[in-house]
C-alpha cells in the first residue's frame, strides 16, 4: 500500500491518478476528505501533519509514503519529524520526499532552507528514502493568468531567471517509478523540464497557444512587492519567494535528464501545459 500525502496538490493528485490507473493499491491523505475527488478505487483518509493523532490510521498497512508536508518554511521539518515518528511506528519501509532543486545548489532562502532541514529529517529517519528535487513548476504561470486574460500582458520581476520549468505530471511520473520499482533508495534526483525558457519565451508560448501576442513587462522587485501588498498577498512568504527567485537565477536554467532516465519518456513541454490550461488565460 502506498500512502500519498498532499494528495490534492499539483503533484499528489497526479500521482494518485497514475497509481490508481496502474492498479496499485493507493491511499490518499487529505485534511478534508469530504471535499476531495479521486478516481474509483482510491482509499481516502483524513490526516493532518499538525495533528499527530490522525496519522496512525492514515499510515496503517502502508509500506511506502510520498511525503509532501503542507508547510514549506520552518514548520516543514517539524511536520516531517511528526510523520517520520508515526511512519516508524507503523512499519513503513520507504519514504519519498518532494523537495526543491535549490537544496542541491546551495540556496539559502527560507523556503529552500526549510526543505533542506526536511531532507535531513527524512535521511536520518532510519527508513529507506528517496528525495525528489524539482525546479520551477509550470503552474507558476497561474500568477500571470489574470493580467494575460485582461491585458494580454505578463508582468515579470526584474531578474526572473531563465527556467527549465517542469510539468507536475512529470514529477508524479518519477514518483510513480520510485515508489513502484527498486534501485532508487538513497538517491536524490534533480528534476526539470527539457527546455530552458526566459520569461519572454514563456510569454511567446502562451501567445502562440492563444493566437495573440503577449507583451512581457519587467517590474522592479519593489514594484512587484507593492502590487502583491495591494492584493493582500504580501508578507514574509512573498519576500521568501522573491529571494528564492533571485538566487535561482544561478541554476534554474540547468536541464537535468533525470525525468527521461527514470520514466523512459521525454519531459512534457510548457506548450503542453499551456494547452491543458488555456482556459485560465481567457
C-alpha atoms as a PDB file:
ATOM      1  CA  UNK A   1       0.000   0.000   0.000  1.00  0.00           C
ATOM      2  CA  UNK A   2       1.268   3.461  -0.939  1.00  0.00           C
ATOM      3  CA  UNK A   3       0.154   6.461   1.112  1.00  0.00           C
ATOM      4  CA  UNK A   4       0.188   9.763  -0.777  1.00  0.00           C
ATOM      5  CA  UNK A   5       0.235  12.833   1.448  1.00  0.00           C
ATOM      6  CA  UNK A   6      -0.548  16.180  -0.143  1.00  0.00           C
ATOM      7  CA  UNK A   7      -2.922  14.152  -2.289  1.00  0.00           C
ATOM      8  CA  UNK A   8      -4.974  17.103  -3.519  1.00  0.00           C
ATOM      9  CA  UNK A   9      -1.928  19.135  -4.588  1.00  0.00           C
ATOM     10  CA  UNK A  10      -0.397  19.607  -8.029  1.00  0.00           C
ATOM     11  CA  UNK A  11       1.879  16.568  -7.787  1.00  0.00           C
ATOM     12  CA  UNK A  12      -0.032  14.423  -5.298  1.00  0.00           C
ATOM     13  CA  UNK A  13      -3.252  14.417  -7.312  1.00  0.00           C
ATOM     14  CA  UNK A  14      -1.367  13.391 -10.464  1.00  0.00           C
ATOM     15  CA  UNK A  15       0.437  10.631  -8.560  1.00  0.00           C
ATOM     16  CA  UNK A  16      -2.790   9.243  -7.096  1.00  0.00           C
ATOM     17  CA  UNK A  17      -4.310   9.158 -10.581  1.00  0.00           C
ATOM     18  CA  UNK A  18      -1.310   7.318 -12.053  1.00  0.00           C
ATOM     19  CA  UNK A  19      -1.166   4.761  -9.258  1.00  0.00           C
ATOM     20  CA  UNK A  20      -4.899   4.085  -9.467  1.00  0.00           C
ATOM     21  CA  UNK A  21      -4.736   3.705 -13.256  1.00  0.00           C
ATOM     22  CA  UNK A  22      -1.979   1.102 -12.846  1.00  0.00           C
ATOM     23  CA  UNK A  23      -3.966  -0.840 -10.264  1.00  0.00           C
ATOM     24  CA  UNK A  24      -1.513  -0.084  -7.458  1.00  0.00           C
ATOM     25  CA  UNK A  25      -3.163  -0.002  -4.008  1.00  0.00           C
ATOM     26  CA  UNK A  26      -3.117   3.674  -3.047  1.00  0.00           C
ATOM     27  CA  UNK A  27      -4.419   5.678  -0.123  1.00  0.00           C
ATOM     28  CA  UNK A  28      -4.866   9.445  -0.457  1.00  0.00           C
ATOM     29  CA  UNK A  29      -4.381  11.521   2.682  1.00  0.00           C
ATOM     30  CA  UNK A  30      -6.082  14.897   2.936  1.00  0.00           C
ATOM     31  CA  UNK A  31      -7.234  17.192   5.706  1.00  0.00           C
ATOM     32  CA  UNK A  32     -10.704  17.412   4.126  1.00  0.00           C
ATOM     33  CA  UNK A  33     -11.635  14.022   2.624  1.00  0.00           C
ATOM     34  CA  UNK A  34     -15.260  15.072   2.208  1.00  0.00           C
ATOM     35  CA  UNK A  35     -14.180  17.684  -0.352  1.00  0.00           C
ATOM     36  CA  UNK A  36     -11.675  15.533  -2.244  1.00  0.00           C
ATOM     37  CA  UNK A  37     -12.371  13.870  -5.592  1.00  0.00           C
ATOM     38  CA  UNK A  38     -10.255  10.903  -6.625  1.00  0.00           C
ATOM     39  CA  UNK A  39     -10.567   8.067  -9.165  1.00  0.00           C
ATOM     40  CA  UNK A  40     -12.590   4.986  -8.282  1.00  0.00           C
ATOM     41  CA  UNK A  41     -10.703   2.507  -6.136  1.00  0.00           C
ATOM     42  CA  UNK A  42      -8.671   5.102  -4.251  1.00  0.00           C
ATOM     43  CA  UNK A  43      -8.935   4.862  -0.481  1.00  0.00           C
ATOM     44  CA  UNK A  44      -9.318   8.334   1.018  1.00  0.00           C
ATOM     45  CA  UNK A  45      -8.286   9.012   4.614  1.00  0.00           C
ATOM     46  CA  UNK A  46      -8.289  12.055   6.869  1.00  0.00           C
ATOM     47  CA  UNK A  47      -4.829  13.030   8.029  1.00  0.00           C
ATOM     48  CA  UNK A  48      -3.017  16.159   9.160  1.00  0.00           C
ATOM     49  CA  UNK A  49       0.709  16.603   9.829  1.00  0.00           C
ATOM     50  CA  UNK A  50      -0.201  19.061  12.586  1.00  0.00           C
ATOM     51  CA  UNK A  51      -2.499  16.545  14.303  1.00  0.00           C
ATOM     52  CA  UNK A  52      -0.313  13.541  15.168  1.00  0.00           C
ATOM     53  CA  UNK A  53      -3.304  11.582  16.438  1.00  0.00           C
ATOM     54  CA  UNK A  54      -4.635  11.355  12.839  1.00  0.00           C
ATOM     55  CA  UNK A  55      -1.501   9.747  11.399  1.00  0.00           C
ATOM     56  CA  UNK A  56      -1.581   6.152  12.746  1.00  0.00           C
ATOM     57  CA  UNK A  57      -4.838   5.370  10.925  1.00  0.00           C
ATOM     58  CA  UNK A  58      -3.563   7.012   7.743  1.00  0.00           C
ATOM     59  CA  UNK A  59      -0.319   5.015   7.847  1.00  0.00           C
ATOM     60  CA  UNK A  60      -1.758   1.646   8.905  1.00  0.00           C
ATOM     61  CA  UNK A  61      -0.722  -1.023   6.405  1.00  0.00           C
ATOM     62  CA  UNK A  62       1.291   1.371   4.225  1.00  0.00           C
ATOM     63  CA  UNK A  63       4.841   0.357   3.360  1.00  0.00           C
ATOM     64  CA  UNK A  64       5.713   3.356   1.149  1.00  0.00           C
ATOM     65  CA  UNK A  65       4.841   7.021   1.678  1.00  0.00           C
ATOM     66  CA  UNK A  66       5.024  10.056  -0.598  1.00  0.00           C
ATOM     67  CA  UNK A  67       5.872  12.923   1.736  1.00  0.00           C
ATOM     68  CA  UNK A  68       4.560  16.423   0.970  1.00  0.00           C
ATOM     69  CA  UNK A  69       4.283  18.491   4.158  1.00  0.00           C
ATOM     70  CA  UNK A  70       1.868  21.425   3.929  1.00  0.00           C
ATOM     71  CA  UNK A  71       4.452  23.838   5.344  1.00  0.00           C
ATOM     72  CA  UNK A  72       7.493  24.984   3.365  1.00  0.00           C
ATOM     73  CA  UNK A  73       9.056  27.263   5.962  1.00  0.00           C
ATOM     74  CA  UNK A  74      10.347  26.463   9.456  1.00  0.00           C
ATOM     75  CA  UNK A  75       7.219  24.409  10.140  1.00  0.00           C
ATOM     76  CA  UNK A  76       8.009  21.913   7.355  1.00  0.00           C
ATOM     77  CA  UNK A  77      10.768  19.968   9.155  1.00  0.00           C
ATOM     78  CA  UNK A  78       8.652  19.843  12.319  1.00  0.00           C
ATOM     79  CA  UNK A  79       5.782  18.320  10.348  1.00  0.00           C
ATOM     80  CA  UNK A  80       8.115  15.812   8.697  1.00  0.00           C
ATOM     81  CA  UNK A  81       9.545  14.820  12.061  1.00  0.00           C
ATOM     82  CA  UNK A  82       6.000  14.111  13.252  1.00  0.00           C
ATOM     83  CA  UNK A  83       5.296  11.978  10.187  1.00  0.00           C
ATOM     84  CA  UNK A  84       8.581  10.076  10.470  1.00  0.00           C
ATOM     85  CA  UNK A  85       7.858   9.099  14.066  1.00  0.00           C
ATOM     86  CA  UNK A  86       4.426   7.786  13.101  1.00  0.00           C
ATOM     87  CA  UNK A  87       5.802   6.034   9.999  1.00  0.00           C
ATOM     88  CA  UNK A  88       8.416   4.140  12.010  1.00  0.00           C
ATOM     89  CA  UNK A  89       5.736   3.053  14.459  1.00  0.00           C
ATOM     90  CA  UNK A  90       3.522   1.870  11.587  1.00  0.00           C
ATOM     91  CA  UNK A  91       6.266  -0.208   9.951  1.00  0.00           C
ATOM     92  CA  UNK A  92       6.705   1.937   6.829  1.00  0.00           C
ATOM     93  CA  UNK A  93       9.746   0.913   4.781  1.00  0.00           C
ATOM     94  CA  UNK A  94      10.341   3.706   2.236  1.00  0.00           C
ATOM     95  CA  UNK A  95       9.794   7.487   2.311  1.00  0.00           C
ATOM     96  CA  UNK A  96       9.852   9.574  -0.880  1.00  0.00           C
ATOM     97  CA  UNK A  97      10.083  13.300  -0.145  1.00  0.00           C
ATOM     98  CA  UNK A  98       9.097  16.107  -2.503  1.00  0.00           C
ATOM     99  CA  UNK A  99      11.769  18.775  -2.010  1.00  0.00           C
ATOM    100  CA  UNK A 100      13.155  21.531  -4.251  1.00  0.00           C
ATOM    101  CA  UNK A 101      16.114  21.861  -6.616  1.00  0.00           C
ATOM    102  CA  UNK A 102      17.675  24.704  -4.645  1.00  0.00           C
ATOM    103  CA  UNK A 103      18.763  22.255  -1.942  1.00  0.00           C
ATOM    104  CA  UNK A 104      21.208  20.658  -4.342  1.00  0.00           C
ATOM    105  CA  UNK A 105      22.547  24.029  -5.485  1.00  0.00           C
ATOM    106  CA  UNK A 106      23.152  25.503  -2.031  1.00  0.00           C
ATOM    107  CA  UNK A 107      20.335  28.063  -1.925  1.00  0.00           C
ATOM    108  CA  UNK A 108      19.871  29.814   1.417  1.00  0.00           C
ATOM    109  CA  UNK A 109      16.406  31.364   1.056  1.00  0.00           C
ATOM    110  CA  UNK A 110      13.867  30.447   3.775  1.00  0.00           C
ATOM    111  CA  UNK A 111      11.795  28.134   1.570  1.00  0.00           C
ATOM    112  CA  UNK A 112      14.784  26.086   0.433  1.00  0.00           C
ATOM    113  CA  UNK A 113      16.288  26.066   3.926  1.00  0.00           C
ATOM    114  CA  UNK A 114      13.070  24.507   5.239  1.00  0.00           C
ATOM    115  CA  UNK A 115      13.273  21.779   2.615  1.00  0.00           C
ATOM    116  CA  UNK A 116      16.963  21.173   3.372  1.00  0.00           C
ATOM    117  CA  UNK A 117      16.143  20.580   7.025  1.00  0.00           C
ATOM    118  CA  UNK A 118      13.225  18.372   5.985  1.00  0.00           C
ATOM    119  CA  UNK A 119      15.522  16.273   3.809  1.00  0.00           C
ATOM    120  CA  UNK A 120      17.799  15.751   6.785  1.00  0.00           C
ATOM    121  CA  UNK A 121      14.853  14.546   8.861  1.00  0.00           C
ATOM    122  CA  UNK A 122      13.959  12.003   6.160  1.00  0.00           C
ATOM    123  CA  UNK A 123      17.554  10.884   5.620  1.00  0.00           C
ATOM    124  CA  UNK A 124      18.097  10.351   9.345  1.00  0.00           C
ATOM    125  CA  UNK A 125      14.794   8.502   9.806  1.00  0.00           C
ATOM    126  CA  UNK A 126      16.345   5.041   9.720  1.00  0.00           C
ATOM    127  CA  UNK A 127      13.998   4.158   6.839  1.00  0.00           C
ATOM    128  CA  UNK A 128      14.797   3.833   3.161  1.00  0.00           C
ATOM    129  CA  UNK A 129      14.436   7.191   1.440  1.00  0.00           C
ATOM    130  CA  UNK A 130      14.475   8.963  -1.909  1.00  0.00           C
ATOM    131  CA  UNK A 131      14.443  12.729  -2.466  1.00  0.00           C
ATOM    132  CA  UNK A 132      12.849  14.434  -5.483  1.00  0.00           C
ATOM    133  CA  UNK A 133      14.131  17.960  -6.157  1.00  0.00           C
ATOM    134  CA  UNK A 134      12.077  19.619  -8.888  1.00  0.00           C
ATOM    135  CA  UNK A 135      12.788  23.084 -10.221  1.00  0.00           C
ATOM    136  CA  UNK A 136      10.144  25.696 -11.013  1.00  0.00           C
ATOM    137  CA  UNK A 137       6.693  24.221 -11.617  1.00  0.00           C
ATOM    138  CA  UNK A 138       4.881  25.233 -14.804  1.00  0.00           C
ATOM    139  CA  UNK A 139       1.923  26.126 -12.584  1.00  0.00           C
ATOM    140  CA  UNK A 140       3.942  29.267 -11.751  1.00  0.00           C
ATOM    141  CA  UNK A 141       2.224  30.723 -14.822  1.00  0.00           C
ATOM    142  CA  UNK A 142      -1.041  30.821 -12.885  1.00  0.00           C
ATOM    143  CA  UNK A 143       0.379  34.006 -11.373  1.00  0.00           C
ATOM    144  CA  UNK A 144       0.224  35.684 -14.782  1.00  0.00           C
ATOM    145  CA  UNK A 145      -3.213  34.429 -15.784  1.00  0.00           C
ATOM    146  CA  UNK A 146      -5.212  37.455 -14.628  1.00  0.00           C
ATOM    147  CA  UNK A 147      -3.228  40.104 -16.487  1.00  0.00           C
ATOM    148  CA  UNK A 148      -2.809  37.902 -19.556  1.00  0.00           C
ATOM    149  CA  UNK A 149      -6.564  37.406 -19.637  1.00  0.00           C
ATOM    150  CA  UNK A 150      -7.393  41.092 -19.120  1.00  0.00           C
ATOM    151  CA  UNK A 151      -4.473  42.906 -20.751  1.00  0.00           C
ATOM    152  CA  UNK A 152      -2.571  40.295 -22.775  1.00  0.00           C
ATOM    153  CA  UNK A 153       0.406  41.318 -20.627  1.00  0.00           C
ATOM    154  CA  UNK A 154       2.806  39.371 -18.397  1.00  0.00           C
ATOM    155  CA  UNK A 155       4.309  41.436 -15.583  1.00  0.00           C
ATOM    156  CA  UNK A 156       7.539  39.762 -14.505  1.00  0.00           C
ATOM    157  CA  UNK A 157      10.029  40.768 -11.840  1.00  0.00           C
ATOM    158  CA  UNK A 158      13.459  42.013 -12.866  1.00  0.00           C
ATOM    159  CA  UNK A 159      15.942  39.202 -12.658  1.00  0.00           C
ATOM    160  CA  UNK A 160      13.330  36.468 -13.090  1.00  0.00           C
ATOM    161  CA  UNK A 161      15.535  33.600 -14.239  1.00  0.00           C
ATOM    162  CA  UNK A 162      15.643  31.562 -17.378  1.00  0.00           C
ATOM    163  CA  UNK A 163      13.909  28.427 -16.144  1.00  0.00           C
ATOM    164  CA  UNK A 164      13.794  24.758 -17.128  1.00  0.00           C
ATOM    165  CA  UNK A 165      10.204  24.586 -15.863  1.00  0.00           C
ATOM    166  CA  UNK A 166       8.681  21.196 -15.112  1.00  0.00           C
ATOM    167  CA  UNK A 167       5.149  19.851 -15.527  1.00  0.00           C
ATOM    168  CA  UNK A 168       3.777  18.435 -12.247  1.00  0.00           C
ATOM    169  CA  UNK A 169       2.737  15.307 -14.145  1.00  0.00           C
ATOM    170  CA  UNK A 170       6.398  14.570 -14.875  1.00  0.00           C
ATOM    171  CA  UNK A 171       7.247  14.855 -11.187  1.00  0.00           C
ATOM    172  CA  UNK A 172       4.396  12.461 -10.433  1.00  0.00           C
ATOM    173  CA  UNK A 173       5.633  10.051 -13.114  1.00  0.00           C
ATOM    174  CA  UNK A 174       9.067   9.984 -11.495  1.00  0.00           C
ATOM    175  CA  UNK A 175       7.486   9.466  -8.077  1.00  0.00           C
ATOM    176  CA  UNK A 176       5.433   6.595  -9.520  1.00  0.00           C
ATOM    177  CA  UNK A 177       8.592   4.827 -10.719  1.00  0.00           C
ATOM    178  CA  UNK A 178      10.475   5.476  -7.485  1.00  0.00           C
ATOM    179  CA  UNK A 179       7.594   4.124  -5.397  1.00  0.00           C
ATOM    180  CA  UNK A 180       6.916   1.039  -7.526  1.00  0.00           C
ATOM    181  CA  UNK A 181      10.389  -0.101  -8.619  1.00  0.00           C
ATOM    182  CA  UNK A 182      13.636  -0.772  -6.772  1.00  0.00           C
ATOM    183  CA  UNK A 183      17.039   0.853  -7.104  1.00  0.00           C
ATOM    184  CA  UNK A 184      16.142   4.408  -6.086  1.00  0.00           C
ATOM    185  CA  UNK A 185      16.846   4.087  -2.386  1.00  0.00           C
ATOM    186  CA  UNK A 186      19.304   6.644  -1.027  1.00  0.00           C
ATOM    187  CA  UNK A 187      19.107   8.795  -4.171  1.00  0.00           C
ATOM    188  CA  UNK A 188      18.311  12.495  -4.617  1.00  0.00           C
ATOM    189  CA  UNK A 189      17.089  13.420  -8.106  1.00  0.00           C
ATOM    190  CA  UNK A 190      17.060  16.933  -9.568  1.00  0.00           C
ATOM    191  CA  UNK A 191      14.040  17.159 -11.887  1.00  0.00           C
ATOM    192  CA  UNK A 192      13.484  19.704 -14.660  1.00  0.00           C
ATOM    193  CA  UNK A 193      11.721  20.108 -17.950  1.00  0.00           C
ATOM    194  CA  UNK A 194      13.583  19.774 -21.223  1.00  0.00           C
ATOM    195  CA  UNK A 195      13.645  23.464 -22.215  1.00  0.00           C
ATOM    196  CA  UNK A 196      15.300  26.451 -20.533  1.00  0.00           C
ATOM    197  CA  UNK A 197      12.864  29.318 -21.120  1.00  0.00           C
ATOM    198  CA  UNK A 198      13.221  33.033 -20.453  1.00  0.00           C
ATOM    199  CA  UNK A 199      10.142  34.971 -19.292  1.00  0.00           C
ATOM    200  CA  UNK A 200       9.966  36.449 -22.798  1.00  0.00           C
ATOM    201  CA  UNK A 201       9.897  32.981 -24.350  1.00  0.00           C
ATOM    202  CA  UNK A 202       7.274  31.837 -21.846  1.00  0.00           C
ATOM    203  CA  UNK A 203       5.089  34.743 -22.968  1.00  0.00           C
ATOM    204  CA  UNK A 204       5.620  33.816 -26.610  1.00  0.00           C
ATOM    205  CA  UNK A 205       4.488  30.248 -25.924  1.00  0.00           C
ATOM    206  CA  UNK A 206       1.317  31.435 -24.187  1.00  0.00           C
ATOM    207  CA  UNK A 207       0.701  33.880 -27.033  1.00  0.00           C
ATOM    208  CA  UNK A 208       1.136  31.175 -29.669  1.00  0.00           C
ATOM    209  CA  UNK A 209      -1.410  28.997 -27.899  1.00  0.00           C
ATOM    210  CA  UNK A 210      -3.871  31.899 -27.724  1.00  0.00           C
ATOM    211  CA  UNK A 211      -3.153  33.106 -31.239  1.00  0.00           C
ATOM    212  CA  UNK A 212      -2.428  36.569 -29.830  1.00  0.00           C
ATOM    213  CA  UNK A 213       0.702  38.497 -28.901  1.00  0.00           C
ATOM    214  CA  UNK A 214       1.571  38.691 -25.213  1.00  0.00           C
ATOM    215  CA  UNK A 215       3.572  41.700 -24.015  1.00  0.00           C
ATOM    216  CA  UNK A 216       6.142  40.965 -21.312  1.00  0.00           C
ATOM    217  CA  UNK A 217       6.763  43.911 -18.963  1.00  0.00           C
ATOM    218  CA  UNK A 218       9.532  43.859 -16.355  1.00  0.00           C
ATOM    219  CA  UNK A 219       8.913  45.318 -12.895  1.00  0.00           C
ATOM    220  CA  UNK A 220      11.376  46.064 -10.131  1.00  0.00           C
ATOM    221  CA  UNK A 221      11.197  43.872  -7.034  1.00  0.00           C
ATOM    222  CA  UNK A 222       9.816  46.869  -5.127  1.00  0.00           C
ATOM    223  CA  UNK A 223       7.028  47.294  -7.698  1.00  0.00           C
ATOM    224  CA  UNK A 224       6.191  43.594  -7.533  1.00  0.00           C
ATOM    225  CA  UNK A 225       6.106  43.681  -3.747  1.00  0.00           C
ATOM    226  CA  UNK A 226       3.878  46.786  -3.752  1.00  0.00           C
ATOM    227  CA  UNK A 227       1.430  45.137  -6.149  1.00  0.00           C
ATOM    228  CA  UNK A 228       1.213  41.976  -4.066  1.00  0.00           C
ATOM    229  CA  UNK A 229       0.785  44.048  -0.912  1.00  0.00           C
ATOM    230  CA  UNK A 230      -2.104  45.834  -2.622  1.00  0.00           C
ATOM    231  CA  UNK A 231      -3.693  42.470  -3.379  1.00  0.00           C
ATOM    232  CA  UNK A 232      -3.148  41.273   0.177  1.00  0.00           C
ATOM    233  CA  UNK A 233      -0.584  38.657  -0.855  1.00  0.00           C
ATOM    234  CA  UNK A 234       2.496  40.251   0.709  1.00  0.00           C
ATOM    235  CA  UNK A 235       4.377  39.401   3.857  1.00  0.00           C
ATOM    236  CA  UNK A 236       7.240  37.058   4.736  1.00  0.00           C
ATOM    237  CA  UNK A 237       6.175  34.314   2.312  1.00  0.00           C
ATOM    238  CA  UNK A 238       6.316  36.700  -0.662  1.00  0.00           C
ATOM    239  CA  UNK A 239       9.677  38.026   0.491  1.00  0.00           C
ATOM    240  CA  UNK A 240      10.967  34.457   0.732  1.00  0.00           C
ATOM    241  CA  UNK A 241       9.670  33.664  -2.762  1.00  0.00           C
ATOM    242  CA  UNK A 242      11.334  36.748  -4.253  1.00  0.00           C
ATOM    243  CA  UNK A 243      14.606  35.782  -2.572  1.00  0.00           C
ATOM    244  CA  UNK A 244      14.288  32.253  -3.957  1.00  0.00           C
ATOM    245  CA  UNK A 245      13.717  33.610  -7.474  1.00  0.00           C
ATOM    246  CA  UNK A 246      16.743  35.897  -7.115  1.00  0.00           C
ATOM    247  CA  UNK A 247      19.038  33.080  -6.020  1.00  0.00           C
ATOM    248  CA  UNK A 248      17.667  30.558  -8.512  1.00  0.00           C
ATOM    249  CA  UNK A 249      18.990  32.576 -11.461  1.00  0.00           C
ATOM    250  CA  UNK A 250      22.267  30.740 -10.825  1.00  0.00           C
ATOM    251  CA  UNK A 251      20.818  27.287 -11.580  1.00  0.00           C
ATOM    252  CA  UNK A 252      17.168  27.313 -12.682  1.00  0.00           C
ATOM    253  CA  UNK A 253      18.232  27.195 -16.345  1.00  0.00           C
ATOM    254  CA  UNK A 254      20.147  23.933 -15.924  1.00  0.00           C
ATOM    255  CA  UNK A 255      18.469  20.945 -17.567  1.00  0.00           C
ATOM    256  CA  UNK A 256      18.511  17.514 -15.933  1.00  0.00           C
ATOM    257  CA  UNK A 257      17.869  14.297 -17.860  1.00  0.00           C
ATOM    258  CA  UNK A 258      16.502  12.518 -14.771  1.00  0.00           C
ATOM    259  CA  UNK A 259      12.859  12.574 -15.902  1.00  0.00           C
ATOM    260  CA  UNK A 260      13.666  10.742 -19.132  1.00  0.00           C
ATOM    261  CA  UNK A 261      16.196   8.424 -17.491  1.00  0.00           C
ATOM    262  CA  UNK A 262      13.718   7.320 -14.818  1.00  0.00           C
ATOM    263  CA  UNK A 263      10.438   7.295 -16.771  1.00  0.00           C
ATOM    264  CA  UNK A 264      11.709   6.472 -20.255  1.00  0.00           C
ATOM    265  CA  UNK A 265       9.818   9.458 -21.682  1.00  0.00           C
ATOM    266  CA  UNK A 266      10.903  12.977 -22.604  1.00  0.00           C
ATOM    267  CA  UNK A 267       9.558  15.692 -20.291  1.00  0.00           C
ATOM    268  CA  UNK A 268       6.333  17.437 -21.210  1.00  0.00           C
ATOM    269  CA  UNK A 269       6.755  20.927 -22.668  1.00  0.00           C
ATOM    270  CA  UNK A 270       5.433  24.269 -21.485  1.00  0.00           C
ATOM    271  CA  UNK A 271       3.212  24.325 -24.576  1.00  0.00           C
ATOM    272  CA  UNK A 272       1.697  21.034 -23.378  1.00  0.00           C
ATOM    273  CA  UNK A 273       0.872  22.626 -20.024  1.00  0.00           C
ATOM    274  CA  UNK A 274      -0.487  25.827 -21.565  1.00  0.00           C
ATOM    275  CA  UNK A 275      -2.737  23.885 -23.954  1.00  0.00           C
ATOM    276  CA  UNK A 276      -4.145  21.932 -20.999  1.00  0.00           C
ATOM    277  CA  UNK A 277      -4.838  25.153 -19.059  1.00  0.00           C
ATOM    278  CA  UNK A 278      -5.672  27.542 -21.897  1.00  0.00           C
ATOM    279  CA  UNK A 279      -8.960  28.493 -20.215  1.00  0.00           C
ATOM    280  CA  UNK A 280      -7.165  30.369 -17.424  1.00  0.00           C
ATOM    281  CA  UNK A 281      -5.684  32.831 -19.912  1.00  0.00           C
ATOM    282  CA  UNK A 282      -9.062  33.925 -21.281  1.00  0.00           C
END
